[in-house]
Amino acid sequence: MANNVKQITKSQGNYLSIVGDTYRIIIPGKQTNGEFAMIDMLIPPHGGPGPHAHESFHESFYVVDGEVEFKTEEGKSIAKKGDTITIPKGGAIHSFKNVSNGLAHLLCTVVPAGLDDFFEEIGTPLQEGEFLPPPPLDENAVKKLMAIAKKYGQVVYPPDYLD
């Protein structure tokens, strides 16, 4: 049985704008039979997703650069360059925000895959190095996001849920 070792270069992967952040799907679940996915995340100052939960997969974040505040119902912590945050399976409500003045850079791994498919559906394609402002979230946009999130086993909470 042959092992198919694969190199993924910096320029490969789909770039997507998600809530004003730029995510690159480095390894989609389609390439791993759904076993895992890897996502490169660039978060501008004050950027990051609001509170959400996903019961069916484990999520790990490695901080390549910057300072990111992670919030859960248990409290908050600041993750800095070289730190790793893990969100285990089971649906812990969490969010994160870049609290530095520069760009924060995270590598996110999800086991099993699926979050990448969610991002593909809600994201806006863009080019490497490009950032779009966060889209306005009126009532209809929030309802649509919640419905898509549910389809992928996620729950989206109000922005101030963890405050």
Protein backbone atom coordinates (compact mmCIF):
# COMPACT_ATOMS: atom_id res chain seq x y z
CA MET A 1 0.00 0.00 0.00
CA ALA A 2 1.50 3.31 -1.07
CA ASN A 3 1.53 6.34 1.21
CA ASN A 4 0.71 9.50 -0.64
CA VAL A 5 2.89 12.11 1.04
CA LYS A 6 1.80 15.55 -0.10
CA GLN A 7 3.42 18.95 0.19
CA ILE A 8 1.13 21.95 0.29
CA THR A 9 2.83 25.20 -0.66
CA LYS A 10 2.05 28.58 0.85
CA SER A 11 0.15 29.63 -2.27
CA GLN A 12 -2.18 26.60 -2.28
CA GLY A 13 -5.59 26.42 -0.65
CA ASN A 14 -8.81 28.39 -0.84
CA TYR A 15 -8.78 31.86 0.71
CA LEU A 16 -12.05 32.96 2.29
CA SER A 17 -13.29 36.02 4.12
CA ILE A 18 -15.08 34.94 7.30
CA VAL A 19 -16.41 37.70 9.67
CA GLY A 20 -13.69 40.05 8.36
CA ASP A 21 -10.88 37.54 8.95
CA THR A 22 -9.00 35.79 6.14
CA TYR A 23 -8.92 31.99 6.36
CA ARG A 24 -7.05 29.66 4.04
CA ILE A 25 -8.25 26.07 3.89
CA ILE A 26 -4.83 24.39 3.81
CA ILE A 27 -6.05 20.79 4.01
CA PRO A 28 -9.75 20.27 3.35
CA GLY A 29 -11.56 17.25 4.71
CA LYS A 30 -12.09 16.12 1.12
CA GLN A 31 -8.36 15.25 1.02
CA THR A 32 -8.40 13.31 4.33
CA ASN A 33 -11.60 11.28 3.94
CA GLY A 34 -13.09 13.66 6.51
CA GLU A 35 -10.61 12.66 9.22
CA PHE A 36 -9.30 16.21 9.79
CA ALA A 37 -8.95 19.64 8.22
CA MET A 38 -6.33 22.38 8.71
CA ILE A 39 -7.14 26.08 8.39
CA ASP A 40 -4.72 29.02 8.41
CA MET A 41 -6.38 32.05 10.04
CA LEU A 42 -5.31 35.69 9.78
CA ILE A 43 -7.22 37.86 12.24
CA PRO A 44 -6.98 41.68 12.08
CA PRO A 45 -6.99 43.70 15.32
CA HIS A 46 -10.34 43.28 17.15
CA GLY A 47 -11.33 40.52 14.67
CA GLY A 48 -12.48 37.01 15.38
CA PRO A 49 -15.72 35.02 15.52
CA GLY A 50 -18.47 35.50 18.05
CA PRO A 51 -19.60 32.83 20.51
CA HIS A 52 -20.35 29.46 18.97
CA ALA A 53 -20.23 25.76 19.79
CA HIS A 54 -19.80 22.51 17.91
CA GLU A 55 -20.42 19.23 19.64
CA SER A 56 -19.04 16.77 17.12
CA PHE A 57 -15.43 17.82 16.59
CA HIS A 58 -12.25 18.73 18.44
CA GLU A 59 -10.65 22.06 17.51
CA SER A 60 -7.06 23.11 18.24
CA PHE A 61 -5.49 26.52 17.66
CA TYR A 62 -1.75 27.14 17.52
CA VAL A 63 -0.84 30.83 17.80
CA VAL A 64 1.79 31.54 15.14
CA ASP A 65 1.80 35.27 15.93
CA GLY A 66 -0.11 37.89 17.90
CA GLU A 67 -2.22 37.78 21.03
CA VAL A 68 -5.68 36.27 20.99
CA GLU A 69 -8.23 36.34 23.79
CA PHE A 70 -10.19 33.09 24.01
CA LYS A 71 -13.48 33.16 25.94
CA THR A 72 -15.54 30.25 27.21
CA GLU A 73 -18.21 29.92 29.87
CA GLU A 74 -15.33 29.10 32.26
CA GLY A 75 -13.65 32.46 31.67
CA LYS A 76 -11.07 33.98 29.37
CA SER A 77 -7.38 33.64 28.66
CA ILE A 78 -4.82 35.31 26.43
CA ALA A 79 -2.96 33.01 24.04
CA LYS A 80 0.34 34.35 22.72
CA LYS A 81 2.83 33.29 20.05
CA GLY A 82 3.70 29.63 20.56
CA ASP A 83 0.64 28.83 22.71
CA THR A 84 -1.98 26.23 21.82
CA ILE A 85 -5.66 26.29 22.77
CA THR A 86 -7.80 23.17 22.51
CA ILE A 87 -11.58 23.02 22.39
CA PRO A 88 -12.59 19.39 22.99
CA LYS A 89 -15.58 17.62 21.49
CA GLY A 90 -18.73 18.18 23.46
CA GLY A 91 -19.96 21.62 22.54
CA ALA A 92 -18.04 24.09 24.74
CA ILE A 93 -19.23 27.59 23.85
CA HIS A 94 -16.24 29.67 22.80
CA SER A 95 -15.09 32.72 20.88
CA PHE A 96 -11.80 34.44 20.20
CA LYS A 97 -10.64 37.94 19.42
CA ASN A 98 -7.33 39.47 18.35
CA VAL A 99 -6.40 41.78 21.22
CA SER A 100 -3.07 42.90 19.72
CA ASN A 101 -2.46 45.93 17.51
CA GLY A 102 -1.12 43.77 14.68
CA LEU A 103 -2.34 40.82 12.69
CA ALA A 104 -2.87 37.61 14.68
CA HIS A 105 -2.03 34.34 12.93
CA LEU A 106 -3.53 31.01 14.00
CA LEU A 107 -3.32 27.47 12.67
CA CYS A 108 -6.54 25.61 13.36
CA THR A 109 -6.95 21.85 13.13
CA VAL A 110 -10.36 20.19 13.41
CA VAL A 111 -10.91 16.47 13.98
CA PRO A 112 -12.97 15.23 12.21
CA ALA A 113 -13.29 17.67 9.31
CA GLY A 114 -16.47 19.61 8.59
CA LEU A 115 -15.71 23.12 9.78
CA ASP A 116 -13.92 23.67 6.47
CA ASP A 117 -17.13 22.85 4.57
CA PHE A 118 -19.03 25.32 6.76
CA PHE A 119 -16.45 28.01 5.97
CA GLU A 120 -16.65 27.21 2.24
CA GLU A 121 -20.42 27.77 2.36
CA ILE A 122 -20.48 31.00 4.36
CA GLY A 123 -17.18 32.56 3.21
CA THR A 124 -16.47 34.99 0.42
CA PRO A 125 -13.60 33.87 -1.84
CA LEU A 126 -10.64 36.24 -2.03
CA GLN A 127 -6.95 36.39 -2.89
CA GLU A 128 -3.95 35.89 -0.63
CA GLY A 129 -3.31 39.04 1.45
CA GLU A 130 -6.81 40.42 0.86
CA PHE A 131 -9.17 41.36 3.70
CA LEU A 132 -12.83 42.30 3.49
CA PRO A 133 -14.72 44.17 6.21
CA PRO A 134 -17.10 42.07 8.31
CA PRO A 135 -20.47 41.81 6.57
CA PRO A 136 -23.41 43.56 8.22
CA LEU A 137 -25.43 41.08 10.24
CA ASP A 138 -29.06 42.16 10.09
CA GLU A 139 -31.82 39.88 11.38
CA ASN A 140 -32.14 37.96 8.10
CA ALA A 141 -28.37 37.45 7.80
CA VAL A 142 -28.22 36.13 11.38
CA LYS A 143 -31.10 33.71 10.71
CA LYS A 144 -29.38 32.47 7.55
CA LEU A 145 -26.04 32.03 9.37
CA MET A 146 -27.73 30.13 12.20
CA ALA A 147 -29.46 27.79 9.73
CA ILE A 148 -26.22 27.07 7.85
CA ALA A 149 -24.35 26.58 11.14
CA LYS A 150 -26.99 24.08 12.31
CA LYS A 151 -26.55 22.11 9.07
CA TYR A 152 -22.87 21.64 10.04
CA GLY A 153 -23.54 20.77 13.69
CA GLN A 154 -22.81 24.21 15.09
CA VAL A 155 -24.73 26.63 17.25
CA VAL A 156 -24.19 30.40 16.97
CA TYR A 157 -24.86 32.57 20.03
CA PRO A 158 -25.46 36.33 20.39
CA PRO A 159 -22.25 38.44 20.33
CA ASP A 160 -22.46 39.32 24.05
CA TYR A 161 -23.29 35.76 25.21
CA LEU A 162 -19.93 35.21 26.98
CA ASP A 163 -19.61 38.73 28.46
